[in-house]
C-alpha atoms as a PDB file:
ATOM      1  CA  MET A   1       3.894  25.975  12.972  1.00  0.00           C
ATOM      2  CA  LYS A   2       6.056  24.229  10.340  1.00  0.00           C
ATOM      3  CA  LYS A   3       6.257  21.086  12.713  1.00  0.00           C
ATOM      4  CA  LEU A   4       2.597  21.034  12.878  1.00  0.00           C
ATOM      5  CA  ILE A   5       2.175  21.044   9.205  1.00  0.00           C
ATOM      6  CA  ALA A   6       4.827  18.571   8.667  1.00  0.00           C
ATOM      7  CA  LEU A   7       3.237  16.128  11.267  1.00  0.00           C
ATOM      8  CA  ALA A   8      -0.343  16.623   9.543  1.00  0.00           C
ATOM      9  CA  ILE A   9       1.163  15.823   6.107  1.00  0.00           C
ATOM     10  CA  THR A  10       3.103  12.820   7.556  1.00  0.00           C
ATOM     11  CA  SER A  11      -0.095  11.664   9.431  1.00  0.00           C
ATOM     12  CA  ALA A  12      -2.113  11.790   6.026  1.00  0.00           C
ATOM     13  CA  PHE A  13       0.242   9.634   4.147  1.00  0.00           C
ATOM     14  CA  VAL A  14       0.440   7.123   7.142  1.00  0.00           C
ATOM     15  CA  LEU A  15      -3.508   7.112   7.320  1.00  0.00           C
ATOM     16  CA  ALA A  16      -3.575   6.747   3.437  1.00  0.00           C
ATOM     17  CA  ALA A  17      -1.201   3.630   3.576  1.00  0.00           C
ATOM     18  CA  ALA A  18      -3.157   2.011   6.451  1.00  0.00           C
ATOM     19  CA  PRO A  19      -6.189   0.866   3.979  1.00  0.00           C
ATOM     20  CA  VAL A  20      -3.641  -0.710   1.612  1.00  0.00           C
ATOM     21  CA  LEU A  21      -2.102  -2.797   4.410  1.00  0.00           C
ATOM     22  CA  ALA A  22      -5.467  -3.783   5.655  1.00  0.00           C
ATOM     23  CA  ALA A  23      -6.556  -4.630   2.123  1.00  0.00           C
ATOM     24  CA  ASP A  24      -3.461  -6.832   1.783  1.00  0.00           C
ATOM     25  CA  MET A  25      -4.001  -8.603   4.941  1.00  0.00           C
ATOM     26  CA  THR A  26      -7.790  -9.105   4.128  1.00  0.00           C
ATOM     27  CA  CYS A  27      -7.595 -10.495   0.578  1.00  0.00           C
ATOM     28  CA  ASP A  28      -7.702 -14.142   1.587  1.00  0.00           C
ATOM     29  CA  ALA A  29     -10.269 -13.323   4.283  1.00  0.00           C
ATOM     30  CA  GLN A  30     -12.478 -11.781   1.839  1.00  0.00           C
ATOM     31  CA  ALA A  31     -12.275 -14.504  -0.513  1.00  0.00           C
ATOM     32  CA  ALA A  32     -12.906 -16.835   2.494  1.00  0.00           C
ATOM     33  CA  GLU A  33     -16.033 -14.766   3.396  1.00  0.00           C
ATOM     34  CA  LYS A  34     -17.274 -14.872  -0.253  1.00  0.00           C
ATOM     35  CA  LYS A  35     -16.780 -18.801  -0.050  1.00  0.00           C
ATOM     36  CA  LEU A  36     -14.552 -18.667  -3.177  1.00  0.00           C
ATOM     37  CA  ALA A  37     -12.479 -21.647  -4.064  1.00  0.00           C
ATOM     38  CA  GLY A  38     -10.164 -22.721  -6.770  1.00  0.00           C
ATOM     39  CA  ALA A  39      -9.790 -20.701  -9.945  1.00  0.00           C
ATOM     40  CA  ALA A  40     -12.262 -17.925  -8.618  1.00  0.00           C
ATOM     41  CA  LYS A  41     -10.395 -17.614  -5.338  1.00  0.00           C
ATOM     42  CA  THR A  42      -7.008 -17.364  -7.078  1.00  0.00           C
ATOM     43  CA  SER A  43      -8.293 -14.844  -9.510  1.00  0.00           C
ATOM     44  CA  PHE A  44     -10.018 -12.719  -6.656  1.00  0.00           C
ATOM     45  CA  VAL A  45      -6.881 -12.685  -4.468  1.00  0.00           C
ATOM     46  CA  LYS A  46      -4.720 -11.810  -7.507  1.00  0.00           C
ATOM     47  CA  LYS A  47      -6.917  -8.865  -8.313  1.00  0.00           C
ATOM     48  CA  CYS A  48      -7.253  -7.778  -4.647  1.00  0.00           C
ATOM     49  CA  MET A  49      -3.336  -7.851  -4.266  1.00  0.00           C
ATOM     50  CA  LYS A  50      -2.843  -5.864  -7.640  1.00  0.00           C
ATOM     51  CA  ASP A  51      -5.367  -3.265  -6.420  1.00  0.00           C
ATOM     52  CA  ALA A  52      -3.523  -2.986  -3.024  1.00  0.00           C
ATOM     53  CA  THR A  53      -0.216  -2.822  -4.790  1.00  0.00           C
ATOM     54  CA  GLU A  54      -1.439   0.099  -7.109  1.00  0.00           C
ATOM     55  CA  ALA A  55      -2.863   2.054  -4.123  1.00  0.00           C
ATOM     56  CA  ALA A  56       0.393   1.526  -2.304  1.00  0.00           C
ATOM     57  CA  THR A  57       2.389   2.618  -5.134  1.00  0.00           C
ATOM     58  CA  LYS A  58       0.334   5.937  -5.506  1.00  0.00           C
ATOM     59  CA  THR A  59       0.735   6.577  -1.716  1.00  0.00           C
ATOM     60  CA  CYS A  60       4.581   5.822  -1.857  1.00  0.00           C
ATOM     61  CA  ASP A  61       5.054   7.956  -5.074  1.00  0.00           C
ATOM     62  CA  GLY A  62       3.297  10.955  -2.991  1.00  0.00           C
ATOM     63  CA  GLN A  63       5.722  10.326  -0.114  1.00  0.00           C
ATOM     64  CA  ALA A  64       8.720  10.290  -2.623  1.00  0.00           C
ATOM     65  CA  ALA A  65       7.570  13.668  -4.129  1.00  0.00           C
ATOM     66  CA  GLU A  66       7.146  15.100  -0.575  1.00  0.00           C
ATOM     67  CA  LYS A  67      10.767  14.094   0.171  1.00  0.00           C
ATOM     68  CA  LYS A  68      11.761  15.637  -3.214  1.00  0.00           C
ATOM     69  CA  LEU A  69      13.434  12.280  -4.396  1.00  0.00           C
ATOM     70  CA  ALA A  70      14.124  11.643  -8.070  1.00  0.00           C
ATOM     71  CA  GLY A  71      15.943   9.104 -10.248  1.00  0.00           C
ATOM     72  CA  ALA A  72      17.434   6.076  -8.473  1.00  0.00           C
ATOM     73  CA  ALA A  73      16.655   7.288  -5.033  1.00  0.00           C
ATOM     74  CA  LYS A  74      13.032   7.641  -5.743  1.00  0.00           C
ATOM     75  CA  THR A  75      12.842   4.312  -7.532  1.00  0.00           C
ATOM     76  CA  SER A  76      14.536   2.534  -4.596  1.00  0.00           C
ATOM     77  CA  PHE A  77      12.331   4.442  -2.001  1.00  0.00           C
ATOM     78  CA  VAL A  78       9.122   3.528  -3.853  1.00  0.00           C
ATOM     79  CA  LYS A  79      10.086  -0.015  -4.269  1.00  0.00           C
ATOM     80  CA  LYS A  80      10.895  -0.554  -0.669  1.00  0.00           C
ATOM     81  CA  CYS A  81       7.739   1.415   0.494  1.00  0.00           C
ATOM     82  CA  VAL A  82       5.312  -0.664  -1.677  1.00  0.00           C
ATOM     83  CA  LYS A  83       7.006  -3.926  -0.448  1.00  0.00           C
ATOM     84  CA  ASP A  84       6.688  -2.862   3.222  1.00  0.00           C
ATOM     85  CA  ALA A  85       3.067  -1.742   2.622  1.00  0.00           C
ATOM     86  CA  THR A  86       2.008  -4.942   0.954  1.00  0.00           C
ATOM     87  CA  ALA A  87       3.863  -7.428   2.882  1.00  0.00           C
ATOM     88  CA  PRO A  88       1.952  -9.884   4.998  1.00  0.00           C
ATOM     89  CA  PRO A  89       2.009  -9.375   8.793  1.00  0.00           C
ATOM     90  CA  LYS A  90       4.294 -11.338  10.801  1.00  0.00           C
END
């Protein structure tokens, strides 16, 4: 039963992070779809990435709390988690 609960919680965090990654991959695509160019495109993509980073930070903070991390360990974990979540696909 404990394994099932742990799996459900982990799955919830993974699913919560998926939209962040999808948003990151589609900021340029959304700008192209809206036919933005120049300063308007730059502004849109910047805001889109900021929103994606904030969502990733919230998700990663939750994961750190679940792992009961604190101090430098939490900071390091959240920093890496956000970087991984918002990195462009390879």
